[in-house]
């Protein structure tokens, strides 16, 4: 590798920023010095002394003869102080040496011609050295780098253009904000005001939602009630069960399959005189329920449907009058209106009993309790009668 190639390589490394300006000057002086020292083979043979002028200093007058060939300066008015390349035949041939004792005379070497400027590779800006000289050559100064944070500095990369979004201006701090800094857009007071505004908006929205809920839920409730009232007539209510019997306390007793008054006659539930009273009222459907309480008291409720309400009232009165013929007396307890009751103490043949009759529309209701002691029947009778009156109230 020749010294011209070394200089060219140094220029490329400096332009690429691989070496500093000081390193460039030191290495350039070293290359030029080695080139000057290795260019005189004839001097070693002559044992003569050569006087080489210092670089940048005044050179002695050249000997007579043709001047060394020097490349013309580049066109365009470029700076002549730029680094130039020296041709390989920079050293002129020795002048005709005199014979005899003149062979030991001192020889004068002409000054080194300035080298040609090195052309940087494509895409690398041409560097022009300026400033103080070093070793006879101008000192190389690196090109001034603009401040990356300067307001006018263009941060666009070489590959930027219409295909890529533009970068933010260096005067704008947004391009350096990251993470939580990106949300820091105002002073603490402004952030506090925004927070208060957000909380107020949330409270207003919640209040509106709660109010709407109560308004529409109230409307739905009233609407639902109206709908229920309007749709109720569409479904005919279940007909009242005039033979209904309230649940009796204690353990139910089996009564068999009794559905008509004829079943009652066949089972011998009533006396013959009582059967005649019901038959005179044209008795039809019946229902019967019986139970035994833990105290040993037996309870029975019988409902019989007659042909009319008048027939039911007449049958009630006739049945009450008939009880006195059985040796029963009027009930000593308190009875509600429309109810007639009789009682009888225990005898050798019959237990103590309390029996009541009342009419409910076309139905004749009979409530009876029996046990070993009359005094123990009053409370049970009153409770069962009150429960049955809630199911089928008595007519006045």
Protein backbone atom coordinates (compact mmCIF):
# COMPACT_ATOMS: atom_id res chain seq x y z
CA UNK A 1 0.00 0.00 0.00
CA UNK A 2 1.48 3.38 -1.07
CA UNK A 3 1.48 6.46 1.07
CA UNK A 4 -1.18 8.02 -1.21
CA UNK A 5 -3.52 5.18 -0.36
CA UNK A 6 -2.69 5.65 3.32
CA UNK A 7 -3.64 9.31 3.07
CA UNK A 8 -6.84 8.45 1.23
CA UNK A 9 -7.77 5.89 3.88
CA UNK A 10 -7.09 8.47 6.65
CA UNK A 11 -9.34 10.97 4.88
CA UNK A 12 -12.14 8.40 4.64
CA UNK A 13 -11.83 7.43 8.28
CA UNK A 14 -11.90 11.08 9.34
CA UNK A 15 -14.93 11.77 7.16
CA UNK A 16 -16.68 8.70 8.57
CA UNK A 17 -15.92 9.84 12.13
CA UNK A 18 -13.84 6.76 12.94
CA UNK A 19 -10.81 8.80 14.13
CA UNK A 20 -10.42 12.18 15.78
CA UNK A 21 -8.75 15.24 14.28
CA UNK A 22 -5.70 14.86 16.51
CA UNK A 23 -5.23 11.22 15.52
CA UNK A 24 -5.64 12.22 11.91
CA UNK A 25 -2.85 14.86 12.13
CA UNK A 26 -0.45 12.52 13.92
CA UNK A 27 -1.01 9.64 11.51
CA UNK A 28 -0.89 11.93 8.46
CA UNK A 29 2.45 13.43 9.52
CA UNK A 30 3.78 9.95 10.11
CA UNK A 31 2.78 8.81 6.59
CA UNK A 32 4.32 11.87 4.94
CA UNK A 33 7.51 11.58 6.93
CA UNK A 34 7.91 7.93 6.00
CA UNK A 35 7.28 8.77 2.37
CA UNK A 36 10.03 11.44 2.36
CA UNK A 37 12.54 9.23 4.20
CA UNK A 38 12.05 6.23 1.91
CA UNK A 39 12.21 8.08 -1.45
CA UNK A 40 16.05 8.53 -1.88
CA UNK A 41 17.81 5.23 -2.83
CA UNK A 42 20.61 7.07 -4.57
CA UNK A 43 21.47 8.98 -1.43
CA UNK A 44 22.63 5.80 0.34
CA UNK A 45 25.02 5.03 -2.54
CA UNK A 46 26.51 8.51 -2.69
CA UNK A 47 26.93 8.83 1.10
CA UNK A 48 26.00 12.44 0.42
CA UNK A 49 24.15 14.67 2.73
CA UNK A 50 20.71 15.89 1.73
CA UNK A 51 19.15 18.94 3.20
CA UNK A 52 15.42 18.53 3.47
CA UNK A 53 13.59 21.71 4.33
CA UNK A 54 11.10 21.50 7.15
CA UNK A 55 7.52 21.20 6.09
CA UNK A 56 5.88 24.54 5.86
CA UNK A 57 9.27 26.33 6.11
CA UNK A 58 11.18 28.25 3.46
CA UNK A 59 12.79 26.02 0.87
CA UNK A 60 16.17 26.78 -0.75
CA UNK A 61 16.23 27.95 -4.29
CA UNK A 62 15.90 25.06 -6.72
CA UNK A 63 18.88 24.21 -8.92
CA UNK A 64 18.85 25.22 -12.52
CA UNK A 65 16.88 22.93 -14.64
CA UNK A 66 13.28 22.11 -15.38
CA UNK A 67 10.94 22.46 -12.39
CA UNK A 68 9.20 19.41 -11.00
CA UNK A 69 5.92 18.49 -12.57
CA UNK A 70 2.99 19.66 -10.47
CA UNK A 71 -0.64 18.92 -11.13
CA UNK A 72 -2.71 22.01 -11.87
CA UNK A 73 -5.03 23.17 -9.12
CA UNK A 74 -8.59 21.89 -9.34
CA UNK A 75 -11.12 23.96 -11.16
CA UNK A 76 -13.92 25.79 -9.43
CA UNK A 77 -11.88 27.88 -7.05
CA UNK A 78 -11.45 25.17 -4.43
CA UNK A 79 -9.24 25.86 -1.42
CA UNK A 80 -5.61 25.21 -2.29
CA UNK A 81 -4.92 24.32 1.34
CA UNK A 82 -6.87 21.07 0.99
CA UNK A 83 -4.99 17.80 1.21
CA UNK A 84 -3.35 17.01 -2.14
CA UNK A 85 -1.85 13.85 -3.56
CA UNK A 86 1.86 13.84 -4.57
CA UNK A 87 2.83 12.01 -7.70
CA UNK A 88 5.10 9.06 -7.35
CA UNK A 89 7.89 10.80 -9.33
CA UNK A 90 7.90 13.75 -6.96
CA UNK A 91 11.67 13.67 -6.56
CA UNK A 92 13.58 15.14 -9.47
CA UNK A 93 16.67 13.28 -10.73
CA UNK A 94 19.97 14.42 -9.39
CA UNK A 95 21.80 17.07 -11.33
CA UNK A 96 24.87 15.99 -13.21
CA UNK A 97 27.36 15.16 -10.53
CA UNK A 98 30.79 16.74 -11.07
CA UNK A 99 33.69 14.43 -11.28
CA UNK A 100 36.50 14.12 -8.81
CA UNK A 101 36.15 15.73 -5.45
CA UNK A 102 32.74 17.21 -6.27
CA UNK A 103 31.20 13.81 -5.65
CA UNK A 104 31.27 14.51 -1.92
CA UNK A 105 29.56 17.87 -2.25
CA UNK A 106 26.25 18.64 -0.63
CA UNK A 107 23.18 18.04 -2.75
CA UNK A 108 20.07 20.17 -2.62
CA UNK A 109 16.70 18.49 -2.87
CA UNK A 110 13.83 20.57 -4.24
CA UNK A 111 10.81 21.10 -2.06
CA UNK A 112 8.02 18.60 -2.09
CA UNK A 113 5.19 19.59 -4.36
CA UNK A 114 1.80 19.90 -2.70
CA UNK A 115 -0.27 16.73 -3.08
CA UNK A 116 -3.44 16.47 -5.06
CA UNK A 117 -6.70 16.75 -3.16
CA UNK A 118 -8.22 13.45 -2.22
CA UNK A 119 -11.71 12.95 -3.50
CA UNK A 120 -13.92 11.47 -0.77
CA UNK A 121 -16.12 8.52 -1.64
CA UNK A 122 -19.65 9.21 -2.87
CA UNK A 123 -22.05 10.30 -0.17
CA UNK A 124 -19.29 11.65 2.17
CA UNK A 125 -19.02 15.45 2.37
CA UNK A 126 -15.67 16.88 1.29
CA UNK A 127 -13.67 18.03 4.28
CA UNK A 128 -11.59 21.17 4.08
CA UNK A 129 -8.94 21.49 6.76
CA UNK A 130 -8.63 24.80 8.50
CA UNK A 131 -6.89 26.19 11.52
CA UNK A 132 -3.27 26.03 12.70
CA UNK A 133 -0.72 23.95 10.91
CA UNK A 134 1.13 20.97 12.28
CA UNK A 135 4.33 19.74 10.79
CA UNK A 136 4.13 22.15 7.88
CA UNK A 137 0.61 21.08 6.86
CA UNK A 138 -2.72 22.67 7.81
CA UNK A 139 -4.33 21.11 10.87
CA UNK A 140 -7.41 19.09 10.13
CA UNK A 141 -10.49 20.24 12.06
CA UNK A 142 -13.63 18.08 12.23
CA UNK A 143 -16.74 19.58 10.72
CA UNK A 144 -18.84 21.46 13.22
CA UNK A 145 -21.65 19.32 14.53
CA UNK A 146 -24.93 21.17 15.14
CA UNK A 147 -26.44 20.95 18.58
CA UNK A 148 -29.01 18.17 18.51
CA UNK A 149 -31.21 20.10 20.96
CA UNK A 150 -31.00 23.37 19.03
CA UNK A 151 -34.40 24.79 18.00
CA UNK A 152 -33.53 24.78 14.31
CA UNK A 153 -31.91 21.34 14.22
CA UNK A 154 -33.53 18.97 11.71
CA UNK A 155 -33.97 15.54 13.30
CA UNK A 156 -35.27 13.93 10.15
CA UNK A 157 -33.27 10.76 9.33
CA UNK A 158 -31.81 10.34 5.85
CA UNK A 159 -34.45 7.75 5.07
CA UNK A 160 -37.31 10.01 6.26
CA UNK A 161 -39.77 11.36 3.77
CA UNK A 162 -43.33 11.04 2.69
CA UNK A 163 -43.37 7.32 3.50
CA UNK A 164 -42.69 7.91 7.22
CA UNK A 165 -44.45 10.20 9.68
CA UNK A 166 -42.52 13.39 10.49
CA UNK A 167 -40.60 13.60 13.73
CA UNK A 168 -41.53 16.15 16.34
CA UNK A 169 -39.58 19.39 16.35
CA UNK A 170 -36.63 19.55 18.74
CA UNK A 171 -38.13 22.63 20.29
CA UNK A 172 -41.11 20.51 21.27
CA UNK A 173 -40.55 18.43 24.41
CA UNK A 174 -43.20 15.87 23.49
CA UNK A 175 -40.73 13.61 21.64
CA UNK A 176 -38.73 13.02 24.85
CA UNK A 177 -41.70 12.38 27.19
CA UNK A 178 -42.37 8.77 27.99
CA UNK A 179 -44.41 6.82 30.54
CA UNK A 180 -46.00 8.91 33.24
CA UNK A 181 -44.34 12.08 31.85
CA UNK A 182 -46.71 11.94 28.89
CA UNK A 183 -49.66 12.64 31.17
CA UNK A 184 -48.00 15.57 32.92
CA UNK A 185 -49.65 18.28 30.83
CA UNK A 186 -50.41 20.88 33.42
CA UNK A 187 -49.78 22.19 36.86
CA UNK A 188 -51.01 20.35 39.99
CA UNK A 189 -53.79 22.87 40.46
CA UNK A 190 -55.19 22.24 36.98
CA UNK A 191 -55.02 18.46 37.56
CA UNK A 192 -56.85 18.90 40.86
CA UNK A 193 -59.57 20.91 39.13
CA UNK A 194 -59.95 18.23 36.47
CA UNK A 195 -60.22 15.55 39.15
CA UNK A 196 -62.91 17.52 40.99
CA UNK A 197 -64.81 17.98 37.74
CA UNK A 198 -64.68 14.26 36.98
CA UNK A 199 -65.93 13.37 40.47
CA UNK A 200 -68.78 15.87 40.15
CA UNK A 201 -69.77 14.41 36.77
CA UNK A 202 -69.79 10.88 38.20
CA UNK A 203 -71.97 11.99 41.12
CA UNK A 204 -74.42 13.67 38.74
CA UNK A 205 -74.61 10.57 36.53
CA UNK A 206 -75.18 8.29 39.53
CA UNK A 207 -77.87 10.60 40.87
CA UNK A 208 -79.64 10.66 37.51
CA UNK A 209 -79.46 6.87 37.32
CA UNK A 210 -80.94 6.42 40.80
CA UNK A 211 -83.70 8.92 40.10
CA UNK A 212 -84.55 7.26 36.80
CA UNK A 213 -84.65 3.88 38.53
CA UNK A 214 -87.16 5.06 41.12
CA UNK A 215 -89.24 6.93 38.53
CA UNK A 216 -89.45 4.04 36.08
CA UNK A 217 -89.79 1.38 38.78
CA UNK A 218 -92.71 3.32 40.25
CA UNK A 219 -94.23 3.59 36.80
CA UNK A 220 -93.75 -0.12 36.23
CA UNK A 221 -95.32 -0.92 39.61
CA UNK A 222 -98.37 1.19 38.92
CA UNK A 223 -98.53 -0.09 35.37
CA UNK A 224 -98.26 -3.67 36.64
CA UNK A 225 -101.12 -3.06 39.06
CA UNK A 226 -103.25 -1.57 36.28
CA UNK A 227 -102.44 -4.49 34.06
CA UNK A 228 -103.40 -6.90 36.81
CA UNK A 229 -106.70 -5.07 37.27
CA UNK A 230 -107.44 -5.06 33.58
CA UNK A 231 -106.47 -8.69 33.03
CA UNK A 232 -108.24 -10.02 36.13
CA UNK A 233 -111.71 -10.00 34.50
CA UNK A 234 -110.33 -12.05 31.61
CA UNK A 235 -109.81 -14.99 33.99
CA UNK A 236 -113.02 -15.94 35.70
CA UNK A 237 -112.49 -16.47 39.43
CA UNK A 238 -112.86 -19.94 40.80
CA UNK A 239 -116.37 -20.58 42.07
CA UNK A 240 -116.62 -20.56 45.86
CA UNK A 241 -116.56 -23.93 47.53
CA UNK A 242 -119.71 -23.89 49.67
CA UNK A 243 -118.79 -27.28 51.14
CA UNK A 244 -115.26 -26.31 52.28
CA UNK A 245 -114.11 -27.62 55.64
CA UNK A 246 -111.24 -26.11 57.63
CA UNK A 247 -108.39 -28.39 58.68
CA UNK A 248 -109.05 -30.10 61.95
CA UNK A 249 -106.39 -30.49 64.64
CA UNK A 250 -105.16 -33.90 65.67
CA UNK A 251 -105.04 -37.12 63.65
CA UNK A 252 -107.52 -37.48 60.78
CA UNK A 253 -109.95 -40.41 61.01
CA UNK A 254 -111.03 -42.33 57.91
CA UNK A 255 -114.65 -41.69 56.94
CA UNK A 256 -114.82 -43.68 53.73
CA UNK A 257 -116.08 -42.56 50.36
CA UNK A 258 -118.90 -40.16 51.15
CA UNK A 259 -119.94 -37.72 48.39
CA UNK A 260 -123.75 -37.54 48.56
CA UNK A 261 -126.27 -37.40 51.38
CA UNK A 262 -127.38 -40.92 50.48
CA UNK A 263 -123.88 -42.10 51.44
CA UNK A 264 -124.42 -40.46 54.84
CA UNK A 265 -127.71 -42.34 55.28
CA UNK A 266 -126.14 -45.63 54.29
CA UNK A 267 -123.26 -45.22 56.75
CA UNK A 268 -125.57 -44.38 59.66
CA UNK A 269 -123.79 -41.15 60.59
CA UNK A 270 -127.05 -39.40 61.71
CA UNK A 271 -130.23 -40.50 63.32
CA UNK A 272 -133.32 -41.26 61.26
CA UNK A 273 -135.07 -38.03 62.36
CA UNK A 274 -132.06 -35.95 61.34
CA UNK A 275 -131.94 -37.71 57.98
CA UNK A 276 -135.57 -36.76 57.38
CA UNK A 277 -134.83 -33.06 58.04
CA UNK A 278 -132.03 -33.00 55.48
CA UNK A 279 -134.07 -34.93 52.96
CA UNK A 280 -136.93 -32.46 53.30
CA UNK A 281 -134.45 -29.70 52.30
CA UNK A 282 -133.57 -31.78 49.23
CA UNK A 283 -129.97 -32.49 50.38
CA UNK A 284 -127.51 -33.39 47.66
CA UNK A 285 -123.71 -33.17 47.82
CA UNK A 286 -121.97 -33.57 51.12
CA UNK A 287 -118.47 -33.43 52.61
CA UNK A 288 -117.33 -34.81 55.92
CA UNK A 289 -114.09 -34.61 57.94
CA UNK A 290 -113.20 -36.27 61.25
CA UNK A 291 -110.15 -36.25 63.54
CA UNK A 292 -109.00 -37.37 66.98
CA UNK A 293 -107.08 -34.89 69.13
CA UNK A 294 -104.18 -35.94 71.42
CA UNK A 295 -106.48 -35.38 74.42
CA UNK A 296 -108.86 -38.06 73.13
CA UNK A 297 -111.51 -35.61 71.94
CA UNK A 298 -113.20 -36.56 68.67
CA UNK A 299 -114.13 -33.79 66.20
CA UNK A 300 -116.45 -33.95 63.18
CA UNK A 301 -117.56 -31.35 60.61
CA UNK A 302 -120.34 -32.08 58.08
CA UNK A 303 -121.42 -29.78 55.23
CA UNK A 304 -124.59 -30.60 53.26
CA UNK A 305 -125.78 -28.77 50.14
CA UNK A 306 -129.56 -28.09 49.96
CA UNK A 307 -131.78 -26.86 47.15
CA UNK A 308 -131.95 -23.25 48.37
CA UNK A 309 -130.86 -20.86 51.07
CA UNK A 310 -134.38 -20.88 52.52
CA UNK A 311 -134.31 -24.66 52.71
CA UNK A 312 -130.90 -24.48 54.45
CA UNK A 313 -132.22 -22.03 57.05
CA UNK A 314 -135.33 -24.16 57.69
CA UNK A 315 -133.23 -27.30 58.07
CA UNK A 316 -130.99 -25.48 60.58
CA UNK A 317 -133.90 -24.48 62.79
CA UNK A 318 -135.47 -27.95 62.64
CA UNK A 319 -132.18 -29.61 63.59
CA UNK A 320 -131.70 -27.28 66.60
CA UNK A 321 -135.25 -28.08 67.83
CA UNK A 322 -134.61 -31.77 67.35
CA UNK A 323 -131.54 -31.74 69.67
CA UNK A 324 -133.67 -31.08 72.74
CA UNK A 325 -135.52 -34.37 72.14
CA UNK A 326 -132.14 -36.10 72.51
CA UNK A 327 -131.80 -34.71 76.03
CA UNK A 328 -129.34 -31.94 74.99
CA UNK A 329 -129.44 -28.42 76.45
CA UNK A 330 -128.43 -25.04 75.08
CA UNK A 331 -124.70 -24.35 75.01
CA UNK A 332 -123.51 -22.37 78.00
CA UNK A 333 -120.62 -20.77 76.18
CA UNK A 334 -120.49 -17.70 73.89
CA UNK A 335 -121.69 -18.17 70.29
CA UNK A 336 -121.41 -15.84 67.30
CA UNK A 337 -124.52 -14.62 65.51
CA UNK A 338 -126.37 -17.11 63.29
CA UNK A 339 -124.99 -20.15 65.16
CA UNK A 340 -127.07 -22.37 67.46
CA UNK A 341 -125.42 -25.00 69.74
CA UNK A 342 -126.41 -27.59 72.33
CA UNK A 343 -124.49 -29.68 74.80
CA UNK A 344 -124.94 -32.88 76.82
CA UNK A 345 -122.99 -34.37 79.68
CA UNK A 346 -121.50 -37.83 79.69
CA UNK A 347 -123.87 -40.72 80.55
CA UNK A 348 -123.57 -44.45 80.80
CA UNK A 349 -124.43 -44.93 77.15
CA UNK A 350 -123.16 -41.75 75.52
CA UNK A 351 -120.05 -39.52 75.88
CA UNK A 352 -120.25 -35.80 76.60
CA UNK A 353 -120.88 -33.77 73.43
CA UNK A 354 -121.34 -30.22 72.06
CA UNK A 355 -123.15 -29.83 68.71
CA UNK A 356 -123.68 -26.65 66.61
CA UNK A 357 -125.63 -25.91 63.40
CA UNK A 358 -125.67 -22.85 61.10
CA UNK A 359 -126.54 -21.99 57.50
CA UNK A 360 -124.16 -20.62 54.85
CA UNK A 361 -126.15 -19.88 51.75
CA UNK A 362 -127.49 -23.22 50.48
CA UNK A 363 -125.26 -25.19 52.86
CA UNK A 364 -126.07 -26.53 56.30
CA UNK A 365 -122.93 -26.81 58.49
CA UNK A 366 -122.70 -29.14 61.51
CA UNK A 367 -119.76 -28.93 64.00
CA UNK A 368 -119.56 -31.53 66.76
CA UNK A 369 -117.03 -32.52 69.44
CA UNK A 370 -117.33 -35.41 71.94
CA UNK A 371 -115.26 -36.66 74.81
CA UNK A 372 -115.18 -38.05 78.34
CA UNK A 373 -115.64 -34.69 80.14
CA UNK A 374 -117.89 -31.82 79.10
CA UNK A 375 -115.70 -29.20 80.77
CA UNK A 376 -112.74 -30.24 78.64
CA UNK A 377 -114.73 -29.83 75.40
CA UNK A 378 -115.55 -26.14 75.59
CA UNK A 379 -112.16 -24.83 74.55
CA UNK A 380 -111.72 -27.31 71.74
CA UNK A 381 -115.25 -26.63 70.45
CA UNK A 382 -114.73 -22.87 70.42
CA UNK A 383 -111.46 -23.17 68.47
CA UNK A 384 -112.81 -25.55 65.80
CA UNK A 385 -116.01 -23.49 65.37
CA UNK A 386 -114.05 -20.25 64.96
CA UNK A 387 -111.81 -21.83 62.31
CA UNK A 388 -114.77 -23.19 60.32
CA UNK A 389 -116.57 -19.83 60.46
CA UNK A 390 -113.54 -18.27 58.76
CA UNK A 391 -113.91 -20.78 55.93
CA UNK A 392 -117.72 -20.64 55.66
CA UNK A 393 -119.20 -17.66 57.55
CA UNK A 394 -122.66 -18.06 59.11
CA UNK A 395 -125.71 -16.27 57.74
CA UNK A 396 -127.46 -13.88 60.11
